[in-house]
Protein backbone atom coordinates (compact mmCIF):
# COMPACT_ATOMS: atom_id res chain seq x y z
CA UNK A 1 0.00 0.00 0.00
CA UNK A 2 2.82 2.42 0.89
CA UNK A 3 4.53 1.71 -2.46
CA UNK A 4 1.24 2.37 -4.25
CA UNK A 5 0.83 5.75 -2.54
CA UNK A 6 4.43 6.66 -3.38
CA UNK A 7 3.90 5.72 -7.05
CA UNK A 8 0.75 7.83 -7.12
CA UNK A 9 2.63 10.86 -5.77
CA UNK A 10 5.34 10.41 -8.38
CA UNK A 11 2.93 10.25 -11.31
CA UNK A 12 2.87 13.30 -13.54
CA UNK A 13 -0.21 15.50 -13.00
CA UNK A 14 -1.35 14.80 -16.57
CA UNK A 15 -1.41 11.05 -15.85
CA UNK A 16 -3.67 11.36 -12.81
CA UNK A 17 -7.48 11.41 -12.90
CA UNK A 18 -8.54 14.93 -13.77
CA UNK A 19 -10.94 17.50 -12.33
CA UNK A 20 -14.48 17.07 -13.60
CA UNK A 21 -16.08 19.68 -15.81
CA UNK A 22 -19.00 19.75 -13.36
CA UNK A 23 -16.59 21.03 -10.70
CA UNK A 24 -15.43 23.82 -12.97
CA UNK A 25 -18.91 24.82 -14.08
CA UNK A 26 -20.05 24.89 -10.47
CA UNK A 27 -17.39 27.46 -9.59
CA UNK A 28 -18.99 30.98 -9.65
CA UNK A 29 -15.67 32.70 -10.49
CA UNK A 30 -15.57 30.88 -13.82
CA UNK A 31 -18.27 33.32 -15.01
CA UNK A 32 -16.89 36.38 -13.24
CA UNK A 33 -13.40 36.91 -14.65
CA UNK A 34 -13.01 40.17 -16.63
CA UNK A 35 -13.92 39.92 -20.28
CA UNK A 36 -11.37 40.60 -23.01
CA UNK A 37 -12.76 41.56 -26.41
CA UNK A 38 -11.53 40.63 -29.86
CA UNK A 39 -12.98 43.73 -31.52
CA UNK A 40 -10.47 45.97 -33.30
CA UNK A 41 -7.73 43.35 -33.57
CA UNK A 42 -6.59 43.29 -37.18
CA UNK A 43 -4.11 40.41 -37.19
CA UNK A 44 -3.30 37.45 -34.93
CA UNK A 45 -0.76 34.65 -34.74
CA UNK A 46 -1.91 31.48 -32.95
CA UNK A 47 1.05 29.39 -31.80
CA UNK A 48 0.24 25.70 -31.24
CA UNK A 49 2.68 23.22 -29.68
CA UNK A 50 0.88 20.45 -31.61
CA UNK A 51 -1.68 20.69 -34.43
CA UNK A 52 -5.12 21.21 -32.95
CA UNK A 53 -4.07 22.71 -29.62
CA UNK A 54 -5.10 26.13 -30.92
CA UNK A 55 -8.57 24.83 -31.84
CA UNK A 56 -9.16 23.31 -28.40
CA UNK A 57 -7.93 26.28 -26.39
CA UNK A 58 -8.83 29.27 -28.60
CA UNK A 59 -11.06 28.07 -31.42
CA UNK A 60 -13.85 30.43 -30.40
CA UNK A 61 -11.55 33.43 -30.42
CA UNK A 62 -10.24 32.40 -33.83
CA UNK A 63 -13.80 32.16 -35.16
CA UNK A 64 -14.68 35.65 -33.92
CA UNK A 65 -11.48 37.13 -35.28
CA UNK A 66 -12.09 35.52 -38.67
CA UNK A 67 -15.66 36.87 -38.73
CA UNK A 68 -14.26 40.34 -38.08
CA UNK A 69 -11.88 40.03 -41.02
CA UNK A 70 -8.65 39.70 -39.06
CA UNK A 71 -5.55 38.31 -40.74
CA UNK A 72 -4.76 34.93 -39.16
CA UNK A 73 -1.60 32.84 -39.05
CA UNK A 74 -1.36 29.47 -37.26
CA UNK A 75 2.10 28.22 -36.31
CA UNK A 76 2.25 24.46 -35.59
CA UNK A 77 5.53 23.98 -33.77
CA UNK A 78 5.56 20.16 -33.76
CA UNK A 79 3.78 17.70 -36.03
CA UNK A 80 4.08 14.94 -33.43
CA UNK A 81 1.36 13.85 -31.03
CA UNK A 82 1.18 15.08 -27.46
CA UNK A 83 3.41 12.28 -26.17
CA UNK A 84 6.03 11.76 -28.84
CA UNK A 85 6.75 10.13 -32.20
CA UNK A 86 4.96 7.15 -33.66
CA UNK A 87 1.56 8.57 -32.79
CA UNK A 88 -1.67 8.67 -34.77
CA UNK A 89 -1.54 10.04 -38.28
CA UNK A 90 1.06 11.67 -40.46
CA UNK A 91 1.99 15.33 -40.23
CA UNK A 92 0.03 15.89 -43.45
CA UNK A 93 -3.07 14.28 -41.94
CA UNK A 94 -2.83 16.34 -38.76
CA UNK A 95 -2.40 19.62 -40.60
CA UNK A 96 -5.24 18.70 -42.96
CA UNK A 97 -7.47 18.20 -39.92
CA UNK A 98 -6.49 21.64 -38.65
CA UNK A 99 -7.26 23.13 -42.05
CA UNK A 100 -10.71 21.52 -41.99
CA UNK A 101 -11.29 22.80 -38.45
CA UNK A 102 -10.29 26.32 -39.45
CA UNK A 103 -12.68 26.17 -42.38
CA UNK A 104 -15.52 25.25 -40.02
CA UNK A 105 -14.58 28.23 -37.84
CA UNK A 106 -14.81 30.51 -40.88
CA UNK A 107 -11.03 30.94 -40.95
CA UNK A 108 -10.35 29.17 -44.24
CA UNK A 109 -8.01 31.97 -45.31
CA UNK A 110 -5.73 31.46 -42.29
CA UNK A 111 -2.11 30.71 -43.13
CA UNK A 112 -0.71 27.54 -41.52
CA UNK A 113 3.04 27.47 -40.89
CA UNK A 114 4.42 24.08 -39.74
CA UNK A 115 7.82 24.27 -38.07
CA UNK A 116 8.27 20.48 -37.92
CA UNK A 117 10.16 20.39 -34.62
CA UNK A 118 10.27 17.06 -32.83
CA UNK A 119 8.88 16.72 -29.35
CA UNK A 120 12.35 15.82 -28.12
CA UNK A 121 13.83 18.99 -29.61
CA UNK A 122 11.16 21.08 -27.91
CA UNK A 123 11.64 19.39 -24.54
CA UNK A 124 15.39 20.01 -24.81
CA UNK A 125 14.75 23.75 -25.07
CA UNK A 126 13.47 24.35 -28.57
CA UNK A 127 16.68 25.71 -30.08
CA UNK A 128 15.89 28.42 -32.62
CA UNK A 129 12.21 28.60 -31.68
CA UNK A 130 12.32 32.09 -30.21
CA UNK A 131 13.98 33.47 -33.35
CA UNK A 132 11.44 31.71 -35.57
CA UNK A 133 8.52 33.11 -33.59
CA UNK A 134 9.94 36.64 -33.66
CA UNK A 135 10.03 36.37 -37.44
CA UNK A 136 6.56 34.83 -37.72
CA UNK A 137 4.86 37.22 -35.27
CA UNK A 138 6.40 40.42 -36.64
CA UNK A 139 3.77 42.83 -37.90
CA UNK A 140 0.86 41.16 -36.08
CA UNK A 141 -1.35 42.76 -33.45
CA UNK A 142 -1.73 39.83 -31.04
CA UNK A 143 -0.24 36.43 -30.22
CA UNK A 144 -2.35 33.55 -28.93
CA UNK A 145 -0.02 30.98 -27.39
CA UNK A 146 0.06 28.17 -24.83
CA UNK A 147 0.01 29.16 -21.17
CA UNK A 148 3.43 28.73 -19.57
CA UNK A 149 1.96 27.06 -16.47
CA UNK A 150 0.13 24.29 -18.33
CA UNK A 151 2.37 21.52 -16.88
CA UNK A 152 2.93 19.88 -20.25
CA UNK A 153 6.67 20.12 -20.95
CA UNK A 154 6.32 20.93 -24.64
CA UNK A 155 3.54 23.45 -24.04
CA UNK A 156 5.64 25.25 -21.46
CA UNK A 157 8.72 25.53 -23.70
CA UNK A 158 6.62 26.86 -26.57
CA UNK A 159 4.82 29.23 -24.21
CA UNK A 160 8.09 30.73 -22.95
CA UNK A 161 9.42 31.16 -26.46
CA UNK A 162 6.21 32.83 -27.60
CA UNK A 163 6.19 35.24 -24.67
CA UNK A 164 9.82 36.18 -25.27
CA UNK A 165 9.06 36.78 -28.95
CA UNK A 166 5.95 38.84 -28.20
CA UNK A 167 7.83 40.92 -25.63
CA UNK A 168 10.66 41.55 -28.09
CA UNK A 169 8.13 42.73 -30.68
CA UNK A 170 6.06 44.74 -28.21
CA UNK A 171 2.79 42.92 -28.99
CA UNK A 172 0.31 41.56 -26.44
CA UNK A 173 0.08 37.83 -25.76
CA UNK A 174 -2.77 35.78 -24.37
CA UNK A 175 -1.82 32.44 -22.78
CA UNK A 176 -4.34 29.73 -23.65
CA UNK A 177 -4.45 26.74 -21.26
CA UNK A 178 -5.17 23.18 -22.38
CA UNK A 179 -4.11 20.93 -19.50
CA UNK A 180 -4.93 23.34 -16.66
CA UNK A 181 -8.50 22.05 -16.59
CA UNK A 182 -7.22 18.54 -16.00
CA UNK A 183 -4.72 18.96 -13.16
CA UNK A 184 -5.94 22.09 -11.36
CA UNK A 185 -9.15 22.66 -9.43
CA UNK A 186 -11.31 25.70 -8.61
CA UNK A 187 -9.52 28.21 -6.36
CA UNK A 188 -6.28 26.28 -6.85
CA UNK A 189 -3.54 28.47 -5.33
CA UNK A 190 -1.02 27.16 -7.89
CA UNK A 191 -2.83 29.14 -10.58
CA UNK A 192 -2.43 32.95 -10.94
CA UNK A 193 -6.16 33.61 -11.24
CA UNK A 194 -5.56 37.36 -11.04
CA UNK A 195 -4.20 37.16 -14.60
CA UNK A 196 -7.23 35.35 -16.04
CA UNK A 197 -9.65 36.93 -18.50
CA UNK A 198 -12.66 35.50 -20.35
CA UNK A 199 -13.34 35.52 -24.06
CA UNK A 200 -17.13 35.19 -24.08
CA UNK A 201 -18.42 33.02 -26.94
CA UNK A 202 -21.83 33.64 -28.48
CA UNK A 203 -23.81 30.42 -28.78
CA UNK A 204 -23.33 30.29 -32.57
CA UNK A 205 -19.57 30.59 -32.09
CA UNK A 206 -19.56 27.90 -29.41
CA UNK A 207 -21.37 25.53 -31.77
CA UNK A 208 -18.83 26.24 -34.51
CA UNK A 209 -16.08 25.30 -32.08
CA UNK A 210 -17.80 22.01 -31.24
CA UNK A 211 -17.93 21.20 -34.96
CA UNK A 212 -14.31 22.27 -35.43
CA UNK A 213 -13.12 19.94 -32.67
CA UNK A 214 -14.91 17.14 -34.49
CA UNK A 215 -12.70 17.80 -37.52
CA UNK A 216 -9.59 17.00 -35.50
CA UNK A 217 -10.44 13.30 -35.43
CA UNK A 218 -10.78 13.58 -31.67
CA UNK A 219 -14.54 13.08 -31.86
CA UNK A 220 -15.78 9.50 -31.73
CA UNK A 221 -19.10 9.05 -30.02
CA UNK A 222 -18.77 9.10 -26.24
CA UNK A 223 -14.98 8.96 -26.44
CA UNK A 224 -12.52 11.04 -28.39
CA UNK A 225 -9.09 10.19 -29.71
CA UNK A 226 -6.15 12.39 -28.85
CA UNK A 227 -3.22 13.02 -31.17
CA UNK A 228 -1.35 10.16 -29.54
CA UNK A 229 -4.14 7.73 -30.39
CA UNK A 230 -5.50 7.40 -26.85
CA UNK A 231 -9.06 8.09 -25.78
CA UNK A 232 -9.99 11.60 -24.70
CA UNK A 233 -13.24 11.26 -22.81
CA UNK A 234 -16.29 13.39 -23.39
CA UNK A 235 -15.66 14.71 -19.87
CA UNK A 236 -12.30 16.18 -20.94
CA UNK A 237 -13.63 17.51 -24.24
CA UNK A 238 -16.31 19.33 -22.22
CA UNK A 239 -13.58 21.63 -20.85
CA UNK A 240 -13.22 23.10 -24.34
CA UNK A 241 -16.85 23.61 -25.38
CA UNK A 242 -17.94 26.06 -22.69
CA UNK A 243 -19.49 29.43 -23.51
CA UNK A 244 -16.21 31.19 -22.72
CA UNK A 245 -12.49 30.59 -23.22
CA UNK A 246 -10.23 31.58 -20.36
CA UNK A 247 -6.86 33.13 -21.14
CA UNK A 248 -3.94 34.50 -19.15
CA UNK A 249 -2.68 38.00 -19.81
């Protein structure tokens, strides 16, 4: 029993059972964070550690920006699955799924830039990533990127590189969490809630995002398939189809 408890403590937070969506939706603060508006933003770069991360975390924002006529660029840093090489699909298949998802969101004109970095290269520090993102974000009004506290090693490296690039260019960045909803819990003191803002999604936009997630081949009845080929339950997908997306300033 003691060995079992020790093994449980040593497990990575992403491997442990996650926080239910019912717990999040029952938290009043989830509906009270300040709203941030997409109006007046003319151009945006969405930086995704893996293809599809940008749809899960910020698909609603992308849909609203596209509807407003904003110029959109999506940077897919790695074409591997969340947990390394040999995962479901080829890079072409994954990027095709993202293209289909963007089309559903009304962002068919978005430019997709694959960087083709391996997960290992990212985890080792992502050499050259900051310079690439400075080049790719130059001239844009806003950067949507992973949140640096997401507790996924590749997300955190990409998040740091994106924030350094945005700071160098003097453009605002919004950190978009993916795994936070799994390992954290309401009022979790490990999370800087004072930096959180909401992007409120109209119901039509929320429905577009649901359909866009389906394009990622993560939608399969009651269960969904992640980029590494494992099942992503409807419970976890529910984190991403709320009526608001939460971002960190």
